[in-house]
PDB file of N, CA and C in Angstrom:
ATOM      1  N   MET A   1      -5.154   6.426  10.475  1.00  0.00           N
ATOM      2  CA  MET A   1      -3.950   6.718   9.702  1.00  0.00           C
ATOM      3  C   MET A   1      -2.862   7.208  10.639  1.00  0.00           C
ATOM      4  N   SER A   2      -1.655   6.761  10.408  1.00  0.00           N
ATOM      5  CA  SER A   2      -0.530   7.224  11.219  1.00  0.00           C
ATOM      6  C   SER A   2       0.137   8.409  10.527  1.00  0.00           C
ATOM      7  N   GLU A   3       1.099   8.972  11.198  1.00  0.00           N
ATOM      8  CA  GLU A   3       1.811  10.099  10.602  1.00  0.00           C
ATOM      9  C   GLU A   3       2.729   9.663   9.459  1.00  0.00           C
ATOM     10  N   PHE A   4       2.931   8.363   9.307  1.00  0.00           N
ATOM     11  CA  PHE A   4       3.852   7.867   8.287  1.00  0.00           C
ATOM     12  C   PHE A   4       3.160   7.311   7.049  1.00  0.00           C
ATOM     13  N   THR A   5       1.832   7.138   7.103  1.00  0.00           N
ATOM     14  CA  THR A   5       1.093   6.664   5.935  1.00  0.00           C
ATOM     15  C   THR A   5       0.244   7.801   5.384  1.00  0.00           C
ATOM     16  N   VAL A   6      -0.127   7.667   4.117  1.00  0.00           N
ATOM     17  CA  VAL A   6      -0.923   8.690   3.447  1.00  0.00           C
ATOM     18  C   VAL A   6      -2.214   8.042   2.964  1.00  0.00           C
ATOM     19  N   ASP A   7      -3.350   8.683   3.251  1.00  0.00           N
ATOM     20  CA  ASP A   7      -4.619   8.205   2.698  1.00  0.00           C
ATOM     21  C   ASP A   7      -4.724   8.694   1.261  1.00  0.00           C
ATOM     22  N   VAL A   8      -5.015   7.768   0.349  1.00  0.00           N
ATOM     23  CA  VAL A   8      -5.083   8.099  -1.066  1.00  0.00           C
ATOM     24  C   VAL A   8      -6.508   7.872  -1.563  1.00  0.00           C
ATOM     25  N   THR A   9      -6.955   8.742  -2.458  1.00  0.00           N
ATOM     26  CA  THR A   9      -8.287   8.653  -3.051  1.00  0.00           C
ATOM     27  C   THR A   9      -8.156   8.607  -4.568  1.00  0.00           C
ATOM     28  N   ASP A  10      -9.299   8.514  -5.233  1.00  0.00           N
ATOM     29  CA  ASP A  10      -9.301   8.547  -6.701  1.00  0.00           C
ATOM     30  C   ASP A  10      -8.650   9.841  -7.204  1.00  0.00           C
ATOM     31  N   ASP A  11      -8.814  10.930  -6.442  1.00  0.00           N
ATOM     32  CA  ASP A  11      -8.316  12.241  -6.876  1.00  0.00           C
ATOM     33  C   ASP A  11      -6.798  12.388  -6.819  1.00  0.00           C
ATOM     34  N   ASN A  12      -6.147  11.756  -5.828  1.00  0.00           N
ATOM     35  CA  ASN A  12      -4.704  11.977  -5.677  1.00  0.00           C
ATOM     36  C   ASN A  12      -3.852  10.729  -5.898  1.00  0.00           C
ATOM     37  N   PHE A  13      -4.462   9.629  -6.317  1.00  0.00           N
ATOM     38  CA  PHE A  13      -3.716   8.378  -6.509  1.00  0.00           C
ATOM     39  C   PHE A  13      -2.579   8.548  -7.513  1.00  0.00           C
ATOM     40  N   GLU A  14      -2.886   9.135  -8.646  1.00  0.00           N
ATOM     41  CA  GLU A  14      -1.859   9.271  -9.685  1.00  0.00           C
ATOM     42  C   GLU A  14      -0.689  10.123  -9.214  1.00  0.00           C
ATOM     43  N   SER A  15      -0.973  11.255  -8.589  1.00  0.00           N
ATOM     44  CA  SER A  15       0.111  12.153  -8.182  1.00  0.00           C
ATOM     45  C   SER A  15       0.967  11.540  -7.079  1.00  0.00           C
ATOM     46  N   ILE A  16       0.360  10.788  -6.170  1.00  0.00           N
ATOM     47  CA  ILE A  16       1.123  10.232  -5.044  1.00  0.00           C
ATOM     48  C   ILE A  16       1.755   8.888  -5.380  1.00  0.00           C
ATOM     49  N   VAL A  17       1.023   8.015  -6.066  1.00  0.00           N
ATOM     50  CA  VAL A  17       1.514   6.654  -6.314  1.00  0.00           C
ATOM     51  C   VAL A  17       2.199   6.525  -7.669  1.00  0.00           C
ATOM     52  N   ILE A  18       1.500   6.840  -8.730  1.00  0.00           N
ATOM     53  CA  ILE A  18       2.021   6.622 -10.079  1.00  0.00           C
ATOM     54  C   ILE A  18       3.234   7.515 -10.356  1.00  0.00           C
ATOM     55  N   ASN A  19       3.194   8.760  -9.895  1.00  0.00           N
ATOM     56  CA  ASN A  19       4.274   9.700 -10.183  1.00  0.00           C
ATOM     57  C   ASN A  19       5.384   9.712  -9.140  1.00  0.00           C
ATOM     58  N   SER A  20       5.347   8.795  -8.183  1.00  0.00           N
ATOM     59  CA  SER A  20       6.365   8.763  -7.126  1.00  0.00           C
ATOM     60  C   SER A  20       7.723   8.354  -7.688  1.00  0.00           C
ATOM     61  N   ASP A  21       8.771   9.001  -7.185  1.00  0.00           N
ATOM     62  CA  ASP A  21      10.129   8.614  -7.585  1.00  0.00           C
ATOM     63  C   ASP A  21      10.704   7.554  -6.646  1.00  0.00           C
ATOM     64  N   LYS A  22       9.890   7.086  -5.712  1.00  0.00           N
ATOM     65  CA  LYS A  22      10.294   6.033  -4.780  1.00  0.00           C
ATOM     66  C   LYS A  22       9.312   4.871  -4.919  1.00  0.00           C
ATOM     67  N   PRO A  23       9.716   3.665  -4.493  1.00  0.00           N
ATOM     68  CA  PRO A  23       8.755   2.563  -4.473  1.00  0.00           C
ATOM     69  C   PRO A  23       7.580   2.912  -3.560  1.00  0.00           C
ATOM     70  N   VAL A  24       6.398   2.402  -3.906  1.00  0.00           N
ATOM     71  CA  VAL A  24       5.189   2.704  -3.136  1.00  0.00           C
ATOM     72  C   VAL A  24       4.496   1.402  -2.747  1.00  0.00           C
ATOM     73  N   LEU A  25       4.145   1.305  -1.476  1.00  0.00           N
ATOM     74  CA  LEU A  25       3.325   0.210  -0.970  1.00  0.00           C
ATOM     75  C   LEU A  25       1.907   0.750  -0.816  1.00  0.00           C
ATOM     76  N   VAL A  26       0.954   0.113  -1.489  1.00  0.00           N
ATOM     77  CA  VAL A  26      -0.440   0.523  -1.411  1.00  0.00           C
ATOM     78  C   VAL A  26      -1.220  -0.557  -0.662  1.00  0.00           C
ATOM     79  N   ASP A  27      -1.830  -0.168   0.458  1.00  0.00           N
ATOM     80  CA  ASP A  27      -2.632  -1.066   1.279  1.00  0.00           C
ATOM     81  C   ASP A  27      -4.103  -0.794   0.984  1.00  0.00           C
ATOM     82  N   PHE A  28      -4.780  -1.747   0.333  1.00  0.00           N
ATOM     83  CA  PHE A  28      -6.218  -1.642   0.079  1.00  0.00           C
ATOM     84  C   PHE A  28      -6.944  -2.257   1.273  1.00  0.00           C
ATOM     85  N   TRP A  29      -7.841  -1.481   1.890  1.00  0.00           N
ATOM     86  CA  TRP A  29      -8.482  -1.897   3.131  1.00  0.00           C
ATOM     87  C   TRP A  29      -9.885  -1.311   3.232  1.00  0.00           C
ATOM     88  N   ALA A  30     -10.600  -1.672   4.312  1.00  0.00           N
ATOM     89  CA  ALA A  30     -11.902  -1.084   4.623  1.00  0.00           C
ATOM     90  C   ALA A  30     -12.121  -1.152   6.136  1.00  0.00           C
ATOM     91  N   GLU A  31     -12.948  -0.240   6.639  1.00  0.00           N
ATOM     92  CA  GLU A  31     -13.239  -0.177   8.081  1.00  0.00           C
ATOM     93  C   GLU A  31     -13.808  -1.487   8.615  1.00  0.00           C
ATOM     94  N   TRP A  32     -14.635  -2.157   7.833  1.00  0.00           N
ATOM     95  CA  TRP A  32     -15.343  -3.355   8.274  1.00  0.00           C
ATOM     96  C   TRP A  32     -14.526  -4.639   8.163  1.00  0.00           C
ATOM     97  N   CYS A  33     -13.307  -4.535   7.676  1.00  0.00           N
ATOM     98  CA  CYS A  33     -12.459  -5.699   7.396  1.00  0.00           C
ATOM     99  C   CYS A  33     -11.573  -6.038   8.598  1.00  0.00           C
ATOM    100  N   GLY A  34     -11.879  -7.154   9.264  1.00  0.00           N
ATOM    101  CA  GLY A  34     -11.102  -7.584  10.427  1.00  0.00           C
ATOM    102  C   GLY A  34      -9.627  -7.819  10.130  1.00  0.00           C
ATOM    103  N   PRO A  35      -9.293  -8.612   9.097  1.00  0.00           N
ATOM    104  CA  PRO A  35      -7.880  -8.826   8.777  1.00  0.00           C
ATOM    105  C   PRO A  35      -7.142  -7.526   8.433  1.00  0.00           C
ATOM    106  N   CYS A  36      -7.869  -6.556   7.842  1.00  0.00           N
ATOM    107  CA  CYS A  36      -7.252  -5.258   7.536  1.00  0.00           C
ATOM    108  C   CYS A  36      -6.829  -4.559   8.824  1.00  0.00           C
ATOM    109  N   LYS A  37      -7.702  -4.609   9.820  1.00  0.00           N
ATOM    110  CA  LYS A  37      -7.395  -3.987  11.110  1.00  0.00           C
ATOM    111  C   LYS A  37      -6.210  -4.667  11.770  1.00  0.00           C
ATOM    112  N   MET A  38      -6.116  -5.994  11.612  1.00  0.00           N
ATOM    113  CA  MET A  38      -4.980  -6.723  12.184  1.00  0.00           C
ATOM    114  C   MET A  38      -3.673  -6.334  11.493  1.00  0.00           C
ATOM    115  N   LEU A  39      -3.738  -6.023  10.208  1.00  0.00           N
ATOM    116  CA  LEU A  39      -2.546  -5.681   9.434  1.00  0.00           C
ATOM    117  C   LEU A  39      -2.100  -4.233   9.645  1.00  0.00           C
ATOM    118  N   THR A  40      -2.998  -3.372  10.098  1.00  0.00           N
ATOM    119  CA  THR A  40      -2.705  -1.944  10.220  1.00  0.00           C
ATOM    120  C   THR A  40      -1.439  -1.635  11.023  1.00  0.00           C
ATOM    121  N   PRO A  41      -1.240  -2.223  12.216  1.00  0.00           N
ATOM    122  CA  PRO A  41       0.003  -1.910  12.952  1.00  0.00           C
ATOM    123  C   PRO A  41       1.265  -2.293  12.173  1.00  0.00           C
ATOM    124  N   THR A  42       1.197  -3.375  11.424  1.00  0.00           N
ATOM    125  CA  THR A  42       2.337  -3.799  10.606  1.00  0.00           C
ATOM    126  C   THR A  42       2.613  -2.770   9.514  1.00  0.00           C
ATOM    127  N   ILE A  43       1.567  -2.328   8.832  1.00  0.00           N
ATOM    128  CA  ILE A  43       1.720  -1.333   7.764  1.00  0.00           C
ATOM    129  C   ILE A  43       2.306  -0.041   8.331  1.00  0.00           C
ATOM    130  N   GLU A  44       1.809   0.385   9.484  1.00  0.00           N
ATOM    131  CA  GLU A  44       2.302   1.617  10.096  1.00  0.00           C
ATOM    132  C   GLU A  44       3.761   1.489  10.509  1.00  0.00           C
ATOM    133  N   SER A  45       4.140   0.324  11.017  1.00  0.00           N
ATOM    134  CA  SER A  45       5.531   0.087  11.399  1.00  0.00           C
ATOM    135  C   SER A  45       6.449   0.108  10.177  1.00  0.00           C
ATOM    136  N   VAL A  46       6.021  -0.531   9.096  1.00  0.00           N
ATOM    137  CA  VAL A  46       6.791  -0.524   7.846  1.00  0.00           C
ATOM    138  C   VAL A  46       6.924   0.908   7.326  1.00  0.00           C
ATOM    139  N   ALA A  47       5.835   1.659   7.377  1.00  0.00           N
ATOM    140  CA  ALA A  47       5.872   3.047   6.902  1.00  0.00           C
ATOM    141  C   ALA A  47       6.891   3.863   7.684  1.00  0.00           C
ATOM    142  N   GLU A  48       6.944   3.648   8.985  1.00  0.00           N
ATOM    143  CA  GLU A  48       7.922   4.373   9.800  1.00  0.00           C
ATOM    144  C   GLU A  48       9.350   3.930   9.469  1.00  0.00           C
ATOM    145  N   ASP A  49       9.554   2.616   9.352  1.00  0.00           N
ATOM    146  CA  ASP A  49      10.886   2.074   9.054  1.00  0.00           C
ATOM    147  C   ASP A  49      11.416   2.538   7.701  1.00  0.00           C
ATOM    148  N   PHE A  50      10.525   2.709   6.725  1.00  0.00           N
ATOM    149  CA  PHE A  50      10.945   3.035   5.359  1.00  0.00           C
ATOM    150  C   PHE A  50      10.753   4.514   5.016  1.00  0.00           C
ATOM    151  N   GLN A  51      10.551   5.329   6.042  1.00  0.00           N
ATOM    152  CA  GLN A  51      10.375   6.767   5.830  1.00  0.00           C
ATOM    153  C   GLN A  51      11.580   7.320   5.074  1.00  0.00           C
ATOM    154  N   GLY A  52      11.300   8.032   3.984  1.00  0.00           N
ATOM    155  CA  GLY A  52      12.364   8.610   3.172  1.00  0.00           C
ATOM    156  C   GLY A  52      12.877   7.680   2.085  1.00  0.00           C
ATOM    157  N   LYS A  53      12.608   6.359   2.205  1.00  0.00           N
ATOM    158  CA  LYS A  53      13.068   5.392   1.213  1.00  0.00           C
ATOM    159  C   LYS A  53      11.938   4.901   0.317  1.00  0.00           C
ATOM    160  N   SER A  54      10.723   4.929   0.849  1.00  0.00           N
ATOM    161  CA  SER A  54       9.553   4.525   0.074  1.00  0.00           C
ATOM    162  C   SER A  54       8.342   5.289   0.595  1.00  0.00           C
ATOM    163  N   VAL A  55       7.234   5.149  -0.121  1.00  0.00           N
ATOM    164  CA  VAL A  55       5.985   5.789   0.263  1.00  0.00           C
ATOM    165  C   VAL A  55       4.998   4.683   0.601  1.00  0.00           C
ATOM    166  N   VAL A  56       4.292   4.837   1.726  1.00  0.00           N
ATOM    167  CA  VAL A  56       3.290   3.850   2.123  1.00  0.00           C
ATOM    168  C   VAL A  56       1.944   4.562   2.184  1.00  0.00           C
ATOM    169  N   VAL A  57       0.993   4.049   1.391  1.00  0.00           N
ATOM    170  CA  VAL A  57      -0.326   4.684   1.322  1.00  0.00           C
ATOM    171  C   VAL A  57      -1.410   3.666   1.626  1.00  0.00           C
ATOM    172  N   LYS A  58      -2.560   4.186   2.051  1.00  0.00           N
ATOM    173  CA  LYS A  58      -3.721   3.362   2.331  1.00  0.00           C
ATOM    174  C   LYS A  58      -4.871   3.819   1.443  1.00  0.00           C
ATOM    175  N   VAL A  59      -5.552   2.851   0.826  1.00  0.00           N
ATOM    176  CA  VAL A  59      -6.714   3.131  -0.009  1.00  0.00           C
ATOM    177  C   VAL A  59      -7.914   2.428   0.609  1.00  0.00           C
ATOM    178  N   ASN A  60      -8.863   3.213   1.100  1.00  0.00           N
ATOM    179  CA  ASN A  60     -10.108   2.660   1.619  1.00  0.00           C
ATOM    180  C   ASN A  60     -10.983   2.329   0.408  1.00  0.00           C
ATOM    181  N   VAL A  61     -11.241   1.049   0.198  1.00  0.00           N
ATOM    182  CA  VAL A  61     -11.957   0.623  -1.016  1.00  0.00           C
ATOM    183  C   VAL A  61     -13.390   1.151  -1.064  1.00  0.00           C
ATOM    184  N   ASP A  62     -13.956   1.479   0.091  1.00  0.00           N
ATOM    185  CA  ASP A  62     -15.304   2.048   0.109  1.00  0.00           C
ATOM    186  C   ASP A  62     -15.299   3.503  -0.344  1.00  0.00           C
ATOM    187  N   ASN A  63     -14.207   4.202  -0.086  1.00  0.00           N
ATOM    188  CA  ASN A  63     -14.105   5.621  -0.447  1.00  0.00           C
ATOM    189  C   ASN A  63     -13.465   5.840  -1.821  1.00  0.00           C
ATOM    190  N   ALA A  64     -12.759   4.843  -2.326  1.00  0.00           N
ATOM    191  CA  ALA A  64     -12.069   4.974  -3.619  1.00  0.00           C
ATOM    192  C   ALA A  64     -12.288   3.711  -4.453  1.00  0.00           C
ATOM    193  N   PRO A  65     -13.544   3.425  -4.797  1.00  0.00           N
ATOM    194  CA  PRO A  65     -13.812   2.196  -5.553  1.00  0.00           C
ATOM    195  C   PRO A  65     -13.197   2.183  -6.945  1.00  0.00           C
ATOM    196  N   GLY A  66     -12.962   3.349  -7.528  1.00  0.00           N
ATOM    197  CA  GLY A  66     -12.368   3.404  -8.855  1.00  0.00           C
ATOM    198  C   GLY A  66     -10.973   2.806  -8.897  1.00  0.00           C
ATOM    199  N   ILE A  67     -10.176   3.092  -7.890  1.00  0.00           N
ATOM    200  CA  ILE A  67      -8.812   2.556  -7.821  1.00  0.00           C
ATOM    201  C   ILE A  67      -8.863   1.042  -7.630  1.00  0.00           C
ATOM    202  N   ALA A  68      -9.718   0.598  -6.711  1.00  0.00           N
ATOM    203  CA  ALA A  68      -9.838  -0.835  -6.452  1.00  0.00           C
ATOM    204  C   ALA A  68     -10.255  -1.585  -7.718  1.00  0.00           C
ATOM    205  N   THR A  69     -11.192  -1.023  -8.447  1.00  0.00           N
ATOM    206  CA  THR A  69     -11.652  -1.649  -9.686  1.00  0.00           C
ATOM    207  C   THR A  69     -10.544  -1.675 -10.728  1.00  0.00           C
ATOM    208  N   LYS A  70      -9.855  -0.564 -10.880  1.00  0.00           N
ATOM    209  CA  LYS A  70      -8.798  -0.467 -11.884  1.00  0.00           C
ATOM    210  C   LYS A  70      -7.718  -1.536 -11.682  1.00  0.00           C
ATOM    211  N   TYR A  71      -7.398  -1.832 -10.412  1.00  0.00           N
ATOM    212  CA  TYR A  71      -6.334  -2.797 -10.127  1.00  0.00           C
ATOM    213  C   TYR A  71      -6.869  -4.185  -9.770  1.00  0.00           C
ATOM    214  N   GLY A  72      -8.155  -4.411 -10.014  1.00  0.00           N
ATOM    215  CA  GLY A  72      -8.727  -5.744  -9.848  1.00  0.00           C
ATOM    216  C   GLY A  72      -8.750  -6.243  -8.420  1.00  0.00           C
ATOM    217  N   ILE A  73      -8.921  -5.345  -7.469  1.00  0.00           N
ATOM    218  CA  ILE A  73      -8.940  -5.745  -6.064  1.00  0.00           C
ATOM    219  C   ILE A  73     -10.281  -6.401  -5.756  1.00  0.00           C
ATOM    220  N   ARG A  74     -10.227  -7.694  -5.408  1.00  0.00           N
ATOM    221  CA  ARG A  74     -11.442  -8.433  -5.096  1.00  0.00           C
ATOM    222  C   ARG A  74     -11.470  -8.885  -3.646  1.00  0.00           C
ATOM    223  N   SER A  75     -10.316  -8.967  -3.019  1.00  0.00           N
ATOM    224  CA  SER A  75     -10.203  -9.367  -1.623  1.00  0.00           C
ATOM    225  C   SER A  75      -9.323  -8.366  -0.906  1.00  0.00           C
ATOM    226  N   ILE A  76      -9.674  -8.085   0.346  1.00  0.00           N
ATOM    227  CA  ILE A  76      -8.843  -7.204   1.150  1.00  0.00           C
ATOM    228  C   ILE A  76      -8.530  -7.894   2.470  1.00  0.00           C
ATOM    229  N   PRO A  77      -7.387  -7.596   3.071  1.00  0.00           N
ATOM    230  CA  PRO A  77      -6.419  -6.617   2.591  1.00  0.00           C
ATOM    231  C   PRO A  77      -5.664  -7.123   1.363  1.00  0.00           C
ATOM    232  N   SER A  78      -5.367  -6.194   0.488  1.00  0.00           N
ATOM    233  CA  SER A  78      -4.509  -6.452  -0.669  1.00  0.00           C
ATOM    234  C   SER A  78      -3.399  -5.418  -0.653  1.00  0.00           C
ATOM    235  N   LEU A  79      -2.193  -5.876  -0.886  1.00  0.00           N
ATOM    236  CA  LEU A  79      -1.040  -4.982  -0.936  1.00  0.00           C
ATOM    237  C   LEU A  79      -0.482  -4.991  -2.344  1.00  0.00           C
ATOM    238  N   LEU A  80      -0.361  -3.812  -2.924  1.00  0.00           N
ATOM    239  CA  LEU A  80       0.285  -3.667  -4.228  1.00  0.00           C
ATOM    240  C   LEU A  80       1.568  -2.895  -4.029  1.00  0.00           C
ATOM    241  N   PHE A  81       2.617  -3.366  -4.651  1.00  0.00           N
ATOM    242  CA  PHE A  81       3.922  -2.720  -4.588  1.00  0.00           C
ATOM    243  C   PHE A  81       4.192  -2.098  -5.948  1.00  0.00           C
ATOM    244  N   PHE A  82       4.307  -0.777  -5.982  1.00  0.00           N
ATOM    245  CA  PHE A  82       4.538  -0.042  -7.224  1.00  0.00           C
ATOM    246  C   PHE A  82       5.993   0.388  -7.305  1.00  0.00           C
ATOM    247  N   ASN A  83       6.534   0.326  -8.507  1.00  0.00           N
ATOM    248  CA  ASN A  83       7.860   0.851  -8.774  1.00  0.00           C
ATOM    249  C   ASN A  83       7.814   1.507 -10.148  1.00  0.00           C
ATOM    250  N   ASN A  84       8.228   2.759 -10.228  1.00  0.00           N
ATOM    251  CA  ASN A  84       8.183   3.514 -11.477  1.00  0.00           C
ATOM    252  C   ASN A  84       6.779   3.546 -12.081  1.00  0.00           C
ATOM    253  N   GLY A  85       5.774   3.674 -11.208  1.00  0.00           N
ATOM    254  CA  GLY A  85       4.399   3.823 -11.669  1.00  0.00           C
ATOM    255  C   GLY A  85       3.690   2.553 -12.078  1.00  0.00           C
ATOM    256  N   LYS A  86       4.351   1.390 -11.913  1.00  0.00           N
ATOM    257  CA  LYS A  86       3.755   0.125 -12.324  1.00  0.00           C
ATOM    258  C   LYS A  86       3.744  -0.858 -11.154  1.00  0.00           C
ATOM    259  N   VAL A  87       2.745  -1.728 -11.141  1.00  0.00           N
ATOM    260  CA  VAL A  87       2.663  -2.758 -10.111  1.00  0.00           C
ATOM    261  C   VAL A  87       3.765  -3.776 -10.357  1.00  0.00           C
ATOM    262  N   SER A  88       4.600  -4.002  -9.349  1.00  0.00           N
ATOM    263  CA  SER A  88       5.660  -4.997  -9.499  1.00  0.00           C
ATOM    264  C   SER A  88       5.380  -6.251  -8.679  1.00  0.00           C
ATOM    265  N   GLU A  89       4.600  -6.121  -7.610  1.00  0.00           N
ATOM    266  CA  GLU A  89       4.235  -7.265  -6.769  1.00  0.00           C
ATOM    267  C   GLU A  89       2.843  -7.040  -6.206  1.00  0.00           C
ATOM    268  N   GLN A  90       2.157  -8.138  -5.879  1.00  0.00           N
ATOM    269  CA  GLN A  90       0.853  -8.046  -5.241  1.00  0.00           C
ATOM    270  C   GLN A  90       0.719  -9.193  -4.253  1.00  0.00           C
ATOM    271  N   ARG A  91       0.200  -8.881  -3.070  1.00  0.00           N
ATOM    272  CA  ARG A  91      -0.060  -9.895  -2.053  1.00  0.00           C
ATOM    273  C   ARG A  91      -1.466  -9.677  -1.509  1.00  0.00           C
ATOM    274  N   VAL A  92      -2.166 -10.765  -1.248  1.00  0.00           N
ATOM    275  CA  VAL A  92      -3.510 -10.689  -0.688  1.00  0.00           C
ATOM    276  C   VAL A  92      -3.491 -11.346   0.685  1.00  0.00           C
ATOM    277  N   GLY A  93      -4.141 -10.699   1.647  1.00  0.00           N
ATOM    278  CA  GLY A  93      -4.208 -11.236   3.000  1.00  0.00           C
ATOM    279  C   GLY A  93      -3.201 -10.577   3.912  1.00  0.00           C
ATOM    280  N   ALA A  94      -3.283 -10.949   5.164  1.00  0.00           N
ATOM    281  CA  ALA A  94      -2.391 -10.373   6.178  1.00  0.00           C
ATOM    282  C   ALA A  94      -1.042 -11.083   6.118  1.00  0.00           C
ATOM    283  N   ILE A  95      -0.078 -10.455   5.478  1.00  0.00           N
ATOM    284  CA  ILE A  95       1.243 -11.062   5.358  1.00  0.00           C
ATOM    285  C   ILE A  95       2.168 -10.473   6.421  1.00  0.00           C
ATOM    286  N   SER A  96       3.294 -11.105   6.626  1.00  0.00           N
ATOM    287  CA  SER A  96       4.201 -10.712   7.703  1.00  0.00           C
ATOM    288  C   SER A  96       4.980  -9.440   7.362  1.00  0.00           C
ATOM    289  N   LYS A  97       5.437  -8.786   8.417  1.00  0.00           N
ATOM    290  CA  LYS A  97       6.269  -7.600   8.240  1.00  0.00           C
ATOM    291  C   LYS A  97       7.551  -7.970   7.493  1.00  0.00           C
ATOM    292  N   ASP A  98       8.101  -9.142   7.791  1.00  0.00           N
ATOM    293  CA  ASP A  98       9.334  -9.571   7.120  1.00  0.00           C
ATOM    294  C   ASP A  98       9.142  -9.678   5.611  1.00  0.00           C
ATOM    295  N   GLU A  99       8.000 -10.216   5.182  1.00  0.00           N
ATOM    296  CA  GLU A  99       7.746 -10.355   3.745  1.00  0.00           C
ATOM    297  C   GLU A  99       7.585  -8.979   3.096  1.00  0.00           C
ATOM    298  N   ILE A 100       6.845  -8.092   3.758  1.00  0.00           N
ATOM    299  CA  ILE A 100       6.660  -6.735   3.230  1.00  0.00           C
ATOM    300  C   ILE A 100       8.007  -6.024   3.132  1.00  0.00           C
ATOM    301  N   THR A 101       8.802  -6.124   4.180  1.00  0.00           N
ATOM    302  CA  THR A 101      10.113  -5.473   4.216  1.00  0.00           C
ATOM    303  C   THR A 101      11.026  -6.017   3.130  1.00  0.00           C
ATOM    304  N   SER A 102      10.996  -7.306   2.939  1.00  0.00           N
ATOM    305  CA  SER A 102      11.830  -7.928   1.908  1.00  0.00           C
ATOM    306  C   SER A 102      11.442  -7.423   0.515  1.00  0.00           C
ATOM    307  N   LEU A 103      10.152  -7.358   0.239  1.00  0.00           N
ATOM    308  CA  LEU A 103       9.694  -6.894  -1.070  1.00  0.00           C
ATOM    309  C   LEU A 103      10.066  -5.429  -1.297  1.00  0.00           C
ATOM    310  N   LEU A 104       9.883  -4.591  -0.280  1.00  0.00           N
ATOM    311  CA  LEU A 104      10.259  -3.178  -0.428  1.00  0.00           C
ATOM    312  C   LEU A 104      11.762  -3.021  -0.641  1.00  0.00           C
ATOM    313  N   ASN A 105      12.548  -3.784   0.128  1.00  0.00           N
ATOM    314  CA  ASN A 105      14.006  -3.706  -0.042  1.00  0.00           C
ATOM    315  C   ASN A 105      14.437  -4.103  -1.442  1.00  0.00           C
ATOM    316  N   GLN A 106      13.786  -5.115  -2.025  1.00  0.00           N
ATOM    317  CA  GLN A 106      14.106  -5.529  -3.393  1.00  0.00           C
ATOM    318  C   GLN A 106      13.840  -4.380  -4.374  1.00  0.00           C
ATOM    319  N   LEU A 107      12.731  -3.667  -4.166  1.00  0.00           N
ATOM    320  CA  LEU A 107      12.397  -2.561  -5.058  1.00  0.00           C
ATOM    321  C   LEU A 107      13.379  -1.397  -4.889  1.00  0.00           C
ATOM    322  N   ILE A 108      13.753  -1.117  -3.652  1.00  0.00           N
ATOM    323  CA  ILE A 108      14.660  -0.017  -3.381  1.00  0.00           C
ATOM    324  C   ILE A 108      16.043  -0.301  -3.973  1.00  0.00           C
ATOM    325  N   GLU A 109      16.494  -1.545  -3.819  1.00  0.00           N
ATOM    326  CA  GLU A 109      17.825  -1.929  -4.298  1.00  0.00           C
ATOM    327  C   GLU A 109      17.843  -2.107  -5.811  1.00  0.00           C
ATOM    328  N   GLY A 110      16.668  -2.274  -6.398  1.00  0.00           N
ATOM    329  CA  GLY A 110      16.580  -2.426  -7.843  1.00  0.00           C
ATOM    330  C   GLY A 110      16.898  -3.803  -8.264  1.00  0.00           C
TER     331      GLY A 110
END
């Protein structure tokens, strides 16, 4: 975890993600997932770039299976984009920083 991302669990998901007043990017990942590891530097870079404008969190599906189940996560990495407590976009797989940035900017701009 970098200083710009937050690890989220079943216990704090609602307070950090659902109740956020900013758009939230949720990265569902696991230690054993190669593509997740490849995506990590991108997620950390986005988190740094969007500091103060959005919240970027990581959910380890092995440590928080309840969240993964609730949102139907079957493949990782999966990225969910939340706005006002609801999922507004979802992407599966290692997507580009440009695509992530574009989606976050759309949420921020409304």
